[in-house]
Amino acid sequence: RPDLLSHFPEDQYLIQGNAEVDDALVEIISTRDLGEWMELFSE
């Protein structure tokens, strides 16, 4: 979902405070098990 980055200005260092992004992450993270996400994000 690289499109989610477009919600924030290019010069914005800290990414926070967007309910639409939060809703998207809730749906995305619910699609895999905890161990799978830990392995992917570690890589």
PDB file of all heavy atoms in Angstrom:
ATOM      1  N   ARG A   1       0.827  -1.207   0.000  1.00  0.00           N
ATOM      2  CA  ARG A   1       0.000   0.000   0.000  1.00  0.00           C
ATOM      3  C   ARG A   1       0.864   1.261   0.000  1.00  0.00           C
ATOM      4  O   ARG A   1       0.722   2.136   0.862  1.00  0.00           O
ATOM      5  CB  ARG A   1      -0.935   0.008   1.216  1.00  0.00           C
ATOM      6  CG  ARG A   1      -2.060  -0.991   1.183  1.00  0.00           C
ATOM      7  CD  ARG A   1      -3.076  -0.678   0.070  1.00  0.00           C
ATOM      8  NE  ARG A   1      -3.576   0.684   0.159  1.00  0.00           N
ATOM      9  CZ  ARG A   1      -4.608   1.054   0.926  1.00  0.00           C
ATOM     10  NH1 ARG A   1      -5.249   0.145   1.643  1.00  0.00           N
ATOM     11  NH2 ARG A   1      -5.009   2.308   0.920  1.00  0.00           N
ATOM     12  N   PRO A   2       1.743   1.422  -0.995  1.00  0.00           N
ATOM     13  CA  PRO A   2       2.586   2.623  -1.026  1.00  0.00           C
ATOM     14  C   PRO A   2       1.779   3.911  -1.168  1.00  0.00           C
ATOM     15  O   PRO A   2       2.272   5.000  -0.867  1.00  0.00           O
ATOM     16  CB  PRO A   2       3.483   2.388  -2.244  1.00  0.00           C
ATOM     17  CG  PRO A   2       2.727   1.418  -3.099  1.00  0.00           C
ATOM     18  CD  PRO A   2       2.005   0.531  -2.143  1.00  0.00           C
ATOM     19  N   ASP A   3       0.523   3.799  -1.632  1.00  0.00           N
ATOM     20  CA  ASP A   3      -0.328   4.983  -1.775  1.00  0.00           C
ATOM     21  C   ASP A   3      -0.592   5.677  -0.447  1.00  0.00           C
ATOM     22  O   ASP A   3      -0.907   6.880  -0.420  1.00  0.00           O
ATOM     23  CB  ASP A   3      -1.657   4.595  -2.410  1.00  0.00           C
ATOM     24  CG  ASP A   3      -2.400   3.545  -1.580  1.00  0.00           C
ATOM     25  OD1 ASP A   3      -1.899   2.397  -1.493  1.00  0.00           O
ATOM     26  OD2 ASP A   3      -3.465   3.886  -1.024  1.00  0.00           O
ATOM     27  N   LEU A   4      -0.472   4.938   0.674  1.00  0.00           N
ATOM     28  CA  LEU A   4      -0.747   5.551   1.982  1.00  0.00           C
ATOM     29  C   LEU A   4       0.243   6.651   2.324  1.00  0.00           C
ATOM     30  O   LEU A   4      -0.059   7.549   3.117  1.00  0.00           O
ATOM     31  CB  LEU A   4      -0.734   4.471   3.074  1.00  0.00           C
ATOM     32  CG  LEU A   4      -1.845   3.428   3.008  1.00  0.00           C
ATOM     33  CD1 LEU A   4      -1.659   2.375   4.096  1.00  0.00           C
ATOM     34  CD2 LEU A   4      -3.215   4.089   3.125  1.00  0.00           C
ATOM     35  N   LEU A   5       1.417   6.586   1.720  1.00  0.00           N
ATOM     36  CA  LEU A   5       2.415   7.624   1.988  1.00  0.00           C
ATOM     37  C   LEU A   5       1.993   8.971   1.426  1.00  0.00           C
ATOM     38  O   LEU A   5       2.420  10.028   1.914  1.00  0.00           O
ATOM     39  CB  LEU A   5       3.760   7.202   1.394  1.00  0.00           C
ATOM     40  CG  LEU A   5       4.992   8.035   1.783  1.00  0.00           C
ATOM     41  CD1 LEU A   5       5.196   8.026   3.296  1.00  0.00           C
ATOM     42  CD2 LEU A   5       6.239   7.519   1.071  1.00  0.00           C
ATOM     43  N   SER A   6       1.134   8.958   0.434  1.00  0.00           N
ATOM     44  CA  SER A   6       0.715  10.213  -0.202  1.00  0.00           C
ATOM     45  C   SER A   6      -0.166  11.061   0.700  1.00  0.00           C
ATOM     46  O   SER A   6      -0.456  12.216   0.380  1.00  0.00           O
ATOM     47  CB  SER A   6      -0.030   9.902  -1.509  1.00  0.00           C
ATOM     48  OG  SER A   6      -1.237   9.196  -1.241  1.00  0.00           O
ATOM     49  N   HIS A   7      -0.610  10.502   1.812  1.00  0.00           N
ATOM     50  CA  HIS A   7      -1.423  11.269   2.754  1.00  0.00           C
ATOM     51  C   HIS A   7      -0.613  12.334   3.485  1.00  0.00           C
ATOM     52  O   HIS A   7      -1.198  13.203   4.147  1.00  0.00           O
ATOM     53  CB  HIS A   7      -2.058  10.334   3.796  1.00  0.00           C
ATOM     54  CG  HIS A   7      -3.179   9.510   3.262  1.00  0.00           C
ATOM     55  ND1 HIS A   7      -4.503   9.854   3.401  1.00  0.00           N
ATOM     56  CD2 HIS A   7      -3.187   8.340   2.565  1.00  0.00           C
ATOM     57  CE1 HIS A   7      -5.272   8.943   2.841  1.00  0.00           C
ATOM     58  NE2 HIS A   7      -4.484   7.995   2.331  1.00  0.00           N
ATOM     59  N   PHE A   8       0.703  12.270   3.379  1.00  0.00           N
ATOM     60  CA  PHE A   8       1.550  13.146   4.183  1.00  0.00           C
ATOM     61  C   PHE A   8       2.526  13.918   3.299  1.00  0.00           C
ATOM     62  O   PHE A   8       3.039  13.378   2.305  1.00  0.00           O
ATOM     63  CB  PHE A   8       2.328  12.311   5.205  1.00  0.00           C
ATOM     64  CG  PHE A   8       1.436  11.405   6.031  1.00  0.00           C
ATOM     65  CD1 PHE A   8       1.280  10.069   5.689  1.00  0.00           C
ATOM     66  CD2 PHE A   8       0.735  11.912   7.110  1.00  0.00           C
ATOM     67  CE1 PHE A   8       0.444   9.240   6.423  1.00  0.00           C
ATOM     68  CE2 PHE A   8      -0.103  11.093   7.845  1.00  0.00           C
ATOM     69  CZ  PHE A   8      -0.255   9.753   7.507  1.00  0.00           C
ATOM     70  N   PRO A   9       2.769  15.183   3.611  1.00  0.00           N
ATOM     71  CA  PRO A   9       3.708  15.982   2.824  1.00  0.00           C
ATOM     72  C   PRO A   9       5.090  15.344   2.787  1.00  0.00           C
ATOM     73  O   PRO A   9       5.494  14.655   3.730  1.00  0.00           O
ATOM     74  CB  PRO A   9       3.739  17.321   3.576  1.00  0.00           C
ATOM     75  CG  PRO A   9       2.471  17.362   4.371  1.00  0.00           C
ATOM     76  CD  PRO A   9       2.173  15.928   4.727  1.00  0.00           C
ATOM     77  N   GLU A  10       5.830  15.593   1.708  1.00  0.00           N
ATOM     78  CA  GLU A  10       7.142  14.975   1.548  1.00  0.00           C
ATOM     79  C   GLU A  10       8.136  15.425   2.606  1.00  0.00           C
ATOM     80  O   GLU A  10       9.101  14.715   2.895  1.00  0.00           O
ATOM     81  CB  GLU A  10       7.693  15.276   0.151  1.00  0.00           C
ATOM     82  CG  GLU A  10       6.916  14.582  -0.962  1.00  0.00           C
ATOM     83  CD  GLU A  10       7.561  14.786  -2.312  1.00  0.00           C
ATOM     84  OE1 GLU A  10       8.643  15.424  -2.361  1.00  0.00           O
ATOM     85  OE2 GLU A  10       7.003  14.312  -3.326  1.00  0.00           O
ATOM     86  N   ASP A  11       7.927  16.617   3.154  1.00  0.00           N
ATOM     87  CA  ASP A  11       8.869  17.125   4.159  1.00  0.00           C
ATOM     88  C   ASP A  11       8.434  16.808   5.591  1.00  0.00           C
ATOM     89  O   ASP A  11       9.013  17.293   6.559  1.00  0.00           O
ATOM     90  CB  ASP A  11       9.051  18.633   4.003  1.00  0.00           C
ATOM     91  CG  ASP A  11       7.764  19.415   4.216  1.00  0.00           C
ATOM     92  OD1 ASP A  11       6.677  18.774   4.255  1.00  0.00           O
ATOM     93  OD2 ASP A  11       7.824  20.660   4.319  1.00  0.00           O
ATOM     94  N   GLN A  12       7.382  15.989   5.750  1.00  0.00           N
ATOM     95  CA  GLN A  12       6.893  15.639   7.083  1.00  0.00           C
ATOM     96  C   GLN A  12       7.712  14.480   7.632  1.00  0.00           C
ATOM     97  O   GLN A  12       7.637  13.361   7.133  1.00  0.00           O
ATOM     98  CB  GLN A  12       5.413  15.274   7.048  1.00  0.00           C
ATOM     99  CG  GLN A  12       4.820  15.002   8.432  1.00  0.00           C
ATOM    100  CD  GLN A  12       3.304  14.820   8.392  1.00  0.00           C
ATOM    101  OE1 GLN A  12       2.649  15.259   7.448  1.00  0.00           O
ATOM    102  NE2 GLN A  12       2.762  14.190   9.419  1.00  0.00           N
ATOM    103  N   TYR A  13       8.488  14.745   8.685  1.00  0.00           N
ATOM    104  CA  TYR A  13       9.393  13.729   9.240  1.00  0.00           C
ATOM    105  C   TYR A  13       8.638  12.689  10.054  1.00  0.00           C
ATOM    106  O   TYR A  13       8.904  11.495   9.957  1.00  0.00           O
ATOM    107  CB  TYR A  13      10.457  14.412  10.093  1.00  0.00           C
ATOM    108  CG  TYR A  13      11.430  13.451  10.738  1.00  0.00           C
ATOM    109  CD1 TYR A  13      12.351  12.750   9.970  1.00  0.00           C
ATOM    110  CD2 TYR A  13      11.417  13.242  12.111  1.00  0.00           C
ATOM    111  CE1 TYR A  13      13.248  11.859  10.548  1.00  0.00           C
ATOM    112  CE2 TYR A  13      12.299  12.351  12.709  1.00  0.00           C
ATOM    113  CZ  TYR A  13      13.216  11.673  11.924  1.00  0.00           C
ATOM    114  OH  TYR A  13      14.090  10.795  12.502  1.00  0.00           O
ATOM    115  N   LEU A  14       7.687  13.154  10.895  1.00  0.00           N
ATOM    116  CA  LEU A  14       6.908  12.244  11.729  1.00  0.00           C
ATOM    117  C   LEU A  14       5.544  12.012  11.101  1.00  0.00           C
ATOM    118  O   LEU A  14       4.850  12.966  10.744  1.00  0.00           O
ATOM    119  CB  LEU A  14       6.750  12.807  13.143  1.00  0.00           C
ATOM    120  CG  LEU A  14       8.035  13.005  13.944  1.00  0.00           C
ATOM    121  CD1 LEU A  14       7.716  13.538  15.342  1.00  0.00           C
ATOM    122  CD2 LEU A  14       8.825  11.715  14.043  1.00  0.00           C
ATOM    123  N   ILE A  15       5.160  10.748  10.990  1.00  0.00           N
ATOM    124  CA  ILE A  15       3.897  10.367  10.367  1.00  0.00           C
ATOM    125  C   ILE A  15       2.904  10.005  11.464  1.00  0.00           C
ATOM    126  O   ILE A  15       3.069   9.016  12.164  1.00  0.00           O
ATOM    127  CB  ILE A  15       4.086   9.161   9.429  1.00  0.00           C
ATOM    128  CG1 ILE A  15       5.186   9.440   8.417  1.00  0.00           C
ATOM    129  CG2 ILE A  15       2.779   8.807   8.743  1.00  0.00           C
ATOM    130  CD1 ILE A  15       4.935  10.631   7.525  1.00  0.00           C
ATOM    131  N   GLN A  16       1.856  10.837  11.622  1.00  0.00           N
ATOM    132  CA  GLN A  16       0.897  10.571  12.691  1.00  0.00           C
ATOM    133  C   GLN A  16      -0.403  11.327  12.440  1.00  0.00           C
ATOM    134  O   GLN A  16      -0.454  12.249  11.637  1.00  0.00           O
ATOM    135  CB  GLN A  16       1.474  10.998  14.040  1.00  0.00           C
ATOM    136  CG  GLN A  16       1.873  12.473  14.092  1.00  0.00           C
ATOM    137  CD  GLN A  16       2.473  12.851  15.424  1.00  0.00           C
ATOM    138  OE1 GLN A  16       2.243  12.189  16.420  1.00  0.00           O
ATOM    139  NE2 GLN A  16       3.242  13.922  15.451  1.00  0.00           N
ATOM    140  N   GLY A  17      -1.447  10.894  13.147  1.00  0.00           N
ATOM    141  CA  GLY A  17      -2.683  11.670  13.169  1.00  0.00           C
ATOM    142  C   GLY A  17      -3.558  11.560  11.944  1.00  0.00           C
ATOM    143  O   GLY A  17      -4.139  12.550  11.504  1.00  0.00           O
ATOM    144  N   ASN A  18      -3.681  10.352  11.367  1.00  0.00           N
ATOM    145  CA  ASN A  18      -4.534  10.202  10.193  1.00  0.00           C
ATOM    146  C   ASN A  18      -5.446   8.989  10.388  1.00  0.00           C
ATOM    147  O   ASN A  18      -4.985   7.847  10.376  1.00  0.00           O
ATOM    148  CB  ASN A  18      -3.671  10.032   8.934  1.00  0.00           C
ATOM    149  CG  ASN A  18      -4.483  10.055   7.663  1.00  0.00           C
ATOM    150  OD1 ASN A  18      -5.440   9.304   7.513  1.00  0.00           O
ATOM    151  ND2 ASN A  18      -4.102  10.935   6.742  1.00  0.00           N
ATOM    152  N   ALA A  19      -6.720   9.243  10.570  1.00  0.00           N
ATOM    153  CA  ALA A  19      -7.671   8.167  10.844  1.00  0.00           C
ATOM    154  C   ALA A  19      -7.828   7.233   9.651  1.00  0.00           C
ATOM    155  O   ALA A  19      -8.042   6.019   9.816  1.00  0.00           O
ATOM    156  CB  ALA A  19      -9.023   8.758  11.232  1.00  0.00           C
ATOM    157  N   GLU A  20      -7.714   7.757   8.426  1.00  0.00           N
ATOM    158  CA  GLU A  20      -7.852   6.920   7.238  1.00  0.00           C
ATOM    159  C   GLU A  20      -6.724   5.895   7.158  1.00  0.00           C
ATOM    160  O   GLU A  20      -6.946   4.722   6.826  1.00  0.00           O
ATOM    161  CB  GLU A  20      -7.866   7.784   5.978  1.00  0.00           C
ATOM    162  CG  GLU A  20      -8.171   7.007   4.711  1.00  0.00           C
ATOM    163  CD  GLU A  20      -8.299   7.903   3.497  1.00  0.00           C
ATOM    164  OE1 GLU A  20      -8.464   9.132   3.680  1.00  0.00           O
ATOM    165  OE2 GLU A  20      -8.240   7.386   2.365  1.00  0.00           O
ATOM    166  N   VAL A  21      -5.518   6.327   7.479  1.00  0.00           N
ATOM    167  CA  VAL A  21      -4.379   5.407   7.502  1.00  0.00           C
ATOM    168  C   VAL A  21      -4.572   4.368   8.601  1.00  0.00           C
ATOM    169  O   VAL A  21      -4.285   3.181   8.413  1.00  0.00           O
ATOM    170  CB  VAL A  21      -3.063   6.181   7.710  1.00  0.00           C
ATOM    171  CG1 VAL A  21      -1.908   5.216   7.975  1.00  0.00           C
ATOM    172  CG2 VAL A  21      -2.756   7.047   6.500  1.00  0.00           C
ATOM    173  N   ASP A  22      -5.087   4.792   9.737  1.00  0.00           N
ATOM    174  CA  ASP A  22      -5.328   3.871  10.840  1.00  0.00           C
ATOM    175  C   ASP A  22      -6.317   2.781  10.429  1.00  0.00           C
ATOM    176  O   ASP A  22      -6.097   1.595  10.691  1.00  0.00           O
ATOM    177  CB  ASP A  22      -5.862   4.657  12.042  1.00  0.00           C
ATOM    178  CG  ASP A  22      -5.964   3.804  13.295  1.00  0.00           C
ATOM    179  OD1 ASP A  22      -5.078   2.958  13.511  1.00  0.00           O
ATOM    180  OD2 ASP A  22      -6.931   3.969  14.050  1.00  0.00           O
ATOM    181  N   ASP A  23      -7.402   3.168   9.764  1.00  0.00           N
ATOM    182  CA  ASP A  23      -8.389   2.180   9.318  1.00  0.00           C
ATOM    183  C   ASP A  23      -7.761   1.191   8.347  1.00  0.00           C
ATOM    184  O   ASP A  23      -8.050  -0.023   8.388  1.00  0.00           O
ATOM    185  CB  ASP A  23      -9.569   2.886   8.650  1.00  0.00           C
ATOM    186  CG  ASP A  23     -10.431   3.656   9.636  1.00  0.00           C
ATOM    187  OD1 ASP A  23     -10.339   3.364  10.855  1.00  0.00           O
ATOM    188  OD2 ASP A  23     -11.169   4.563   9.210  1.00  0.00           O
ATOM    189  N   ALA A  24      -6.912   1.692   7.458  1.00  0.00           N
ATOM    190  CA  ALA A  24      -6.260   0.820   6.486  1.00  0.00           C
ATOM    191  C   ALA A  24      -5.340  -0.171   7.183  1.00  0.00           C
ATOM    192  O   ALA A  24      -5.306  -1.362   6.831  1.00  0.00           O
ATOM    193  CB  ALA A  24      -5.485   1.656   5.468  1.00  0.00           C
ATOM    194  N   LEU A  25      -4.599   0.297   8.186  1.00  0.00           N
ATOM    195  CA  LEU A  25      -3.675  -0.582   8.897  1.00  0.00           C
ATOM    196  C   LEU A  25      -4.426  -1.639   9.709  1.00  0.00           C
ATOM    197  O   LEU A  25      -3.978  -2.779   9.817  1.00  0.00           O
ATOM    198  CB  LEU A  25      -2.761   0.242   9.807  1.00  0.00           C
ATOM    199  CG  LEU A  25      -1.708   1.101   9.098  1.00  0.00           C
ATOM    200  CD1 LEU A  25      -0.944   1.957  10.096  1.00  0.00           C
ATOM    201  CD2 LEU A  25      -0.742   0.228   8.303  1.00  0.00           C
ATOM    202  N   VAL A  26      -5.568  -1.264  10.284  1.00  0.00           N
ATOM    203  CA  VAL A  26      -6.378  -2.244  11.017  1.00  0.00           C
ATOM    204  C   VAL A  26      -6.748  -3.408  10.100  1.00  0.00           C
ATOM    205  O   VAL A  26      -6.637  -4.582  10.464  1.00  0.00           O
ATOM    206  CB  VAL A  26      -7.659  -1.580  11.578  1.00  0.00           C
ATOM    207  CG1 VAL A  26      -8.636  -2.635  12.073  1.00  0.00           C
ATOM    208  CG2 VAL A  26      -7.303  -0.634  12.713  1.00  0.00           C
ATOM    209  N   GLU A  27      -7.179  -3.090   8.886  1.00  0.00           N
ATOM    210  CA  GLU A  27      -7.583  -4.127   7.940  1.00  0.00           C
ATOM    211  C   GLU A  27      -6.386  -4.949   7.468  1.00  0.00           C
ATOM    212  O   GLU A  27      -6.444  -6.180   7.389  1.00  0.00           O
ATOM    213  CB  GLU A  27      -8.281  -3.478   6.740  1.00  0.00           C
ATOM    214  CG  GLU A  27      -8.771  -4.479   5.717  1.00  0.00           C
ATOM    215  CD  GLU A  27      -9.501  -3.821   4.566  1.00  0.00           C
ATOM    216  OE1 GLU A  27      -9.817  -2.610   4.666  1.00  0.00           O
ATOM    217  OE2 GLU A  27      -9.768  -4.509   3.550  1.00  0.00           O
ATOM    218  N   ILE A  28      -5.292  -4.280   7.175  1.00  0.00           N
ATOM    219  CA  ILE A  28      -4.114  -4.970   6.640  1.00  0.00           C
ATOM    220  C   ILE A  28      -3.526  -5.937   7.662  1.00  0.00           C
ATOM    221  O   ILE A  28      -3.266  -7.108   7.364  1.00  0.00           O
ATOM    222  CB  ILE A  28      -3.051  -3.928   6.222  1.00  0.00           C
ATOM    223  CG1 ILE A  28      -3.516  -3.152   5.001  1.00  0.00           C
ATOM    224  CG2 ILE A  28      -1.704  -4.614   5.945  1.00  0.00           C
ATOM    225  CD1 ILE A  28      -2.669  -1.927   4.705  1.00  0.00           C
ATOM    226  N   ILE A  29      -3.317  -5.483   8.888  1.00  0.00           N
ATOM    227  CA  ILE A  29      -2.651  -6.311   9.901  1.00  0.00           C
ATOM    228  C   ILE A  29      -3.509  -7.512  10.280  1.00  0.00           C
ATOM    229  O   ILE A  29      -2.998  -8.558  10.701  1.00  0.00           O
ATOM    230  CB  ILE A  29      -2.298  -5.465  11.145  1.00  0.00           C
ATOM    231  CG1 ILE A  29      -1.363  -4.316  10.758  1.00  0.00           C
ATOM    232  CG2 ILE A  29      -1.648  -6.333  12.217  1.00  0.00           C
ATOM    233  CD1 ILE A  29      -0.065  -4.764  10.088  1.00  0.00           C
ATOM    234  N   SER A  30      -4.804  -7.418  10.094  1.00  0.00           N
ATOM    235  CA  SER A  30      -5.689  -8.533  10.444  1.00  0.00           C
ATOM    236  C   SER A  30      -5.615  -9.682   9.441  1.00  0.00           C
ATOM    237  O   SER A  30      -6.255 -10.725   9.653  1.00  0.00           O
ATOM    238  CB  SER A  30      -7.134  -8.039  10.537  1.00  0.00           C
ATOM    239  OG  SER A  30      -7.627  -7.681   9.251  1.00  0.00           O
ATOM    240  N   THR A  31      -4.848  -9.530   8.366  1.00  0.00           N
ATOM    241  CA  THR A  31      -4.808 -10.557   7.323  1.00  0.00           C
ATOM    242  C   THR A  31      -3.721 -11.600   7.525  1.00  0.00           C
ATOM    243  O   THR A  31      -3.677 -12.597   6.800  1.00  0.00           O
ATOM    244  CB  THR A  31      -4.611  -9.910   5.940  1.00  0.00           C
ATOM    245  OG1 THR A  31      -3.341  -9.232   5.906  1.00  0.00           O
ATOM    246  CG2 THR A  31      -5.732  -8.927   5.634  1.00  0.00           C
ATOM    247  N   ARG A  32      -2.801 -11.400   8.492  1.00  0.00           N
ATOM    248  CA  ARG A  32      -1.731 -12.366   8.730  1.00  0.00           C
ATOM    249  C   ARG A  32      -1.559 -12.597  10.227  1.00  0.00           C
ATOM    250  O   ARG A  32      -1.984 -11.787  11.056  1.00  0.00           O
ATOM    251  CB  ARG A  32      -0.394 -11.871   8.155  1.00  0.00           C
ATOM    252  CG  ARG A  32      -0.383 -11.656   6.652  1.00  0.00           C
ATOM    253  CD  ARG A  32       1.046 -11.449   6.168  1.00  0.00           C
ATOM    254  NE  ARG A  32       1.107 -11.040   4.774  1.00  0.00           N
ATOM    255  CZ  ARG A  32       2.232 -10.910   4.080  1.00  0.00           C
ATOM    256  NH1 ARG A  32       3.400 -11.177   4.664  1.00  0.00           N
ATOM    257  NH2 ARG A  32       2.207 -10.525   2.814  1.00  0.00           N
ATOM    258  N   ASP A  33      -0.889 -13.713  10.544  1.00  0.00           N
ATOM    259  CA  ASP A  33      -0.612 -14.033  11.946  1.00  0.00           C
ATOM    260  C   ASP A  33       0.529 -13.182  12.477  1.00  0.00           C
ATOM    261  O   ASP A  33       1.344 -12.631  11.703  1.00  0.00           O
ATOM    262  CB  ASP A  33      -0.250 -15.512  12.088  1.00  0.00           C
ATOM    263  CG  ASP A  33      -1.428 -16.432  11.808  1.00  0.00           C
ATOM    264  OD1 ASP A  33      -2.570 -15.929  11.746  1.00  0.00           O
ATOM    265  OD2 ASP A  33      -1.195 -17.656  11.651  1.00  0.00           O
ATOM    266  N   LEU A  34       0.618 -13.096  13.798  1.00  0.00           N
ATOM    267  CA  LEU A  34       1.635 -12.277  14.445  1.00  0.00           C
ATOM    268  C   LEU A  34       3.044 -12.691  14.019  1.00  0.00           C
ATOM    269  O   LEU A  34       3.880 -11.837  13.680  1.00  0.00           O
ATOM    270  CB  LEU A  34       1.498 -12.390  15.971  1.00  0.00           C
ATOM    271  CG  LEU A  34       2.524 -11.633  16.817  1.00  0.00           C
ATOM    272  CD1 LEU A  34       2.456 -10.136  16.558  1.00  0.00           C
ATOM    273  CD2 LEU A  34       2.297 -11.914  18.307  1.00  0.00           C
ATOM    274  N   GLY A  35       3.333 -13.984  14.036  1.00  0.00           N
ATOM    275  CA  GLY A  35       4.667 -14.439  13.664  1.00  0.00           C
ATOM    276  C   GLY A  35       5.040 -14.070  12.246  1.00  0.00           C
ATOM    277  O   GLY A  35       6.201 -13.739  11.956  1.00  0.00           O
ATOM    278  N   GLU A  36       4.072 -14.115  11.314  1.00  0.00           N
ATOM    279  CA  GLU A  36       4.334 -13.748   9.922  1.00  0.00           C
ATOM    280  C   GLU A  36       4.699 -12.275   9.809  1.00  0.00           C
ATOM    281  O   GLU A  36       5.635 -11.894   9.087  1.00  0.00           O
ATOM    282  CB  GLU A  36       3.107 -14.045   9.064  1.00  0.00           C
ATOM    283  CG  GLU A  36       2.746 -15.514   8.958  1.00  0.00           C
ATOM    284  CD  GLU A  36       1.476 -15.715   8.149  1.00  0.00           C
ATOM    285  OE1 GLU A  36       1.552 -15.634   6.907  1.00  0.00           O
ATOM    286  OE2 GLU A  36       0.410 -15.937   8.768  1.00  0.00           O
ATOM    287  N   TRP A  37       3.960 -11.427  10.523  1.00  0.00           N
ATOM    288  CA  TRP A  37       4.275  -9.997  10.477  1.00  0.00           C
ATOM    289  C   TRP A  37       5.633  -9.713  11.108  1.00  0.00           C
ATOM    290  O   TRP A  37       6.402  -8.891  10.584  1.00  0.00           O
ATOM    291  CB  TRP A  37       3.189  -9.193  11.205  1.00  0.00           C
ATOM    292  CG  TRP A  37       1.907  -9.026  10.454  1.00  0.00           C
ATOM    293  CD1 TRP A  37       0.656  -9.348  10.877  1.00  0.00           C
ATOM    294  CD2 TRP A  37       1.743  -8.492   9.133  1.00  0.00           C
ATOM    295  NE1 TRP A  37      -0.276  -9.056   9.927  1.00  0.00           N
ATOM    296  CE2 TRP A  37       0.355  -8.514   8.838  1.00  0.00           C
ATOM    297  CE3 TRP A  37       2.622  -7.983   8.176  1.00  0.00           C
ATOM    298  CZ2 TRP A  37      -0.164  -8.053   7.626  1.00  0.00           C
ATOM    299  CZ3 TRP A  37       2.111  -7.530   6.960  1.00  0.00           C
ATOM    300  CH2 TRP A  37       0.739  -7.567   6.697  1.00  0.00           C
ATOM    301  N   MET A  38       5.948 -10.375  12.201  1.00  0.00           N
ATOM    302  CA  MET A  38       7.246 -10.163  12.842  1.00  0.00           C
ATOM    303  C   MET A  38       8.380 -10.519  11.879  1.00  0.00           C
ATOM    304  O   MET A  38       9.384  -9.797  11.785  1.00  0.00           O
ATOM    305  CB  MET A  38       7.356 -10.990  14.126  1.00  0.00           C
ATOM    306  CG  MET A  38       6.492 -10.492  15.280  1.00  0.00           C
ATOM    307  SD  MET A  38       6.950  -8.823  15.827  1.00  0.00           S
ATOM    308  CE  MET A  38       8.645  -9.100  16.355  1.00  0.00           C
ATOM    309  N   GLU A  39       8.236 -11.609  11.169  1.00  0.00           N
ATOM    310  CA  GLU A  39       9.277 -12.035  10.230  1.00  0.00           C
ATOM    311  C   GLU A  39       9.410 -11.044   9.079  1.00  0.00           C
ATOM    312  O   GLU A  39      10.521 -10.651   8.700  1.00  0.00           O
ATOM    313  CB  GLU A  39       8.947 -13.428   9.698  1.00  0.00           C
ATOM    314  CG  GLU A  39      10.008 -13.989   8.767  1.00  0.00           C
ATOM    315  CD  GLU A  39       9.701 -15.411   8.328  1.00  0.00           C
ATOM    316  OE1 GLU A  39       8.734 -16.010   8.844  1.00  0.00           O
ATOM    317  OE2 GLU A  39      10.448 -15.931   7.456  1.00  0.00           O
ATOM    318  N   LEU A  40       8.284 -10.623   8.506  1.00  0.00           N
ATOM    319  CA  LEU A  40       8.319  -9.698   7.380  1.00  0.00           C
ATOM    320  C   LEU A  40       8.914  -8.357   7.767  1.00  0.00           C
ATOM    321  O   LEU A  40       9.821  -7.839   7.095  1.00  0.00           O
ATOM    322  CB  LEU A  40       6.900  -9.503   6.825  1.00  0.00           C
ATOM    323  CG  LEU A  40       6.753  -8.415   5.747  1.00  0.00           C
ATOM    324  CD1 LEU A  40       7.582  -8.758   4.511  1.00  0.00           C
ATOM    325  CD2 LEU A  40       5.279  -8.216   5.370  1.00  0.00           C
ATOM    326  N   PHE A  41       8.412  -7.778   8.855  1.00  0.00           N
ATOM    327  CA  PHE A  41       8.868  -6.444   9.226  1.00  0.00           C
ATOM    328  C   PHE A  41      10.314  -6.447   9.723  1.00  0.00           C
ATOM    329  O   PHE A  41      11.016  -5.444   9.623  1.00  0.00           O
ATOM    330  CB  PHE A  41       7.924  -5.843  10.271  1.00  0.00           C
ATOM    331  CG  PHE A  41       6.575  -5.483   9.723  1.00  0.00           C
ATOM    332  CD1 PHE A  41       5.419  -5.769  10.433  1.00  0.00           C
ATOM    333  CD2 PHE A  41       6.451  -4.869   8.488  1.00  0.00           C
ATOM    334  CE1 PHE A  41       4.169  -5.449   9.927  1.00  0.00           C
ATOM    335  CE2 PHE A  41       5.203  -4.531   7.965  1.00  0.00           C
ATOM    336  CZ  PHE A  41       4.061  -4.827   8.687  1.00  0.00           C
ATOM    337  N   SER A  42      10.753  -7.568  10.259  1.00  0.00           N
ATOM    338  CA  SER A  42      12.159  -7.683  10.630  1.00  0.00           C
ATOM    339  C   SER A  42      13.045  -7.640   9.389  1.00  0.00           C
ATOM    340  O   SER A  42      14.107  -7.003   9.386  1.00  0.00           O
ATOM    341  CB  SER A  42      12.395  -8.990  11.399  1.00  0.00           C
ATOM    342  OG  SER A  42      13.765  -9.168  11.681  1.00  0.00           O
ATOM    343  N   GLU A  43      12.600  -8.281   8.324  1.00  0.00           N
ATOM    344  CA  GLU A  43      13.376  -8.323   7.088  1.00  0.00           C
ATOM    345  C   GLU A  43      13.501  -6.947   6.445  1.00  0.00           C
ATOM    346  O   GLU A  43      14.554  -6.607   5.889  1.00  0.00           O
ATOM    347  CB  GLU A  43      12.725  -9.288   6.095  1.00  0.00           C
ATOM    348  CG  GLU A  43      12.832 -10.754   6.495  1.00  0.00           C
ATOM    349  CD  GLU A  43      12.071 -11.664   5.553  1.00  0.00           C
ATOM    350  OE1 GLU A  43      11.385 -11.129   4.629  1.00  0.00           O
ATOM    351  OE2 GLU A  43      12.136 -12.904   5.735  1.00  0.00           O
TER     352      GLU A  43
END
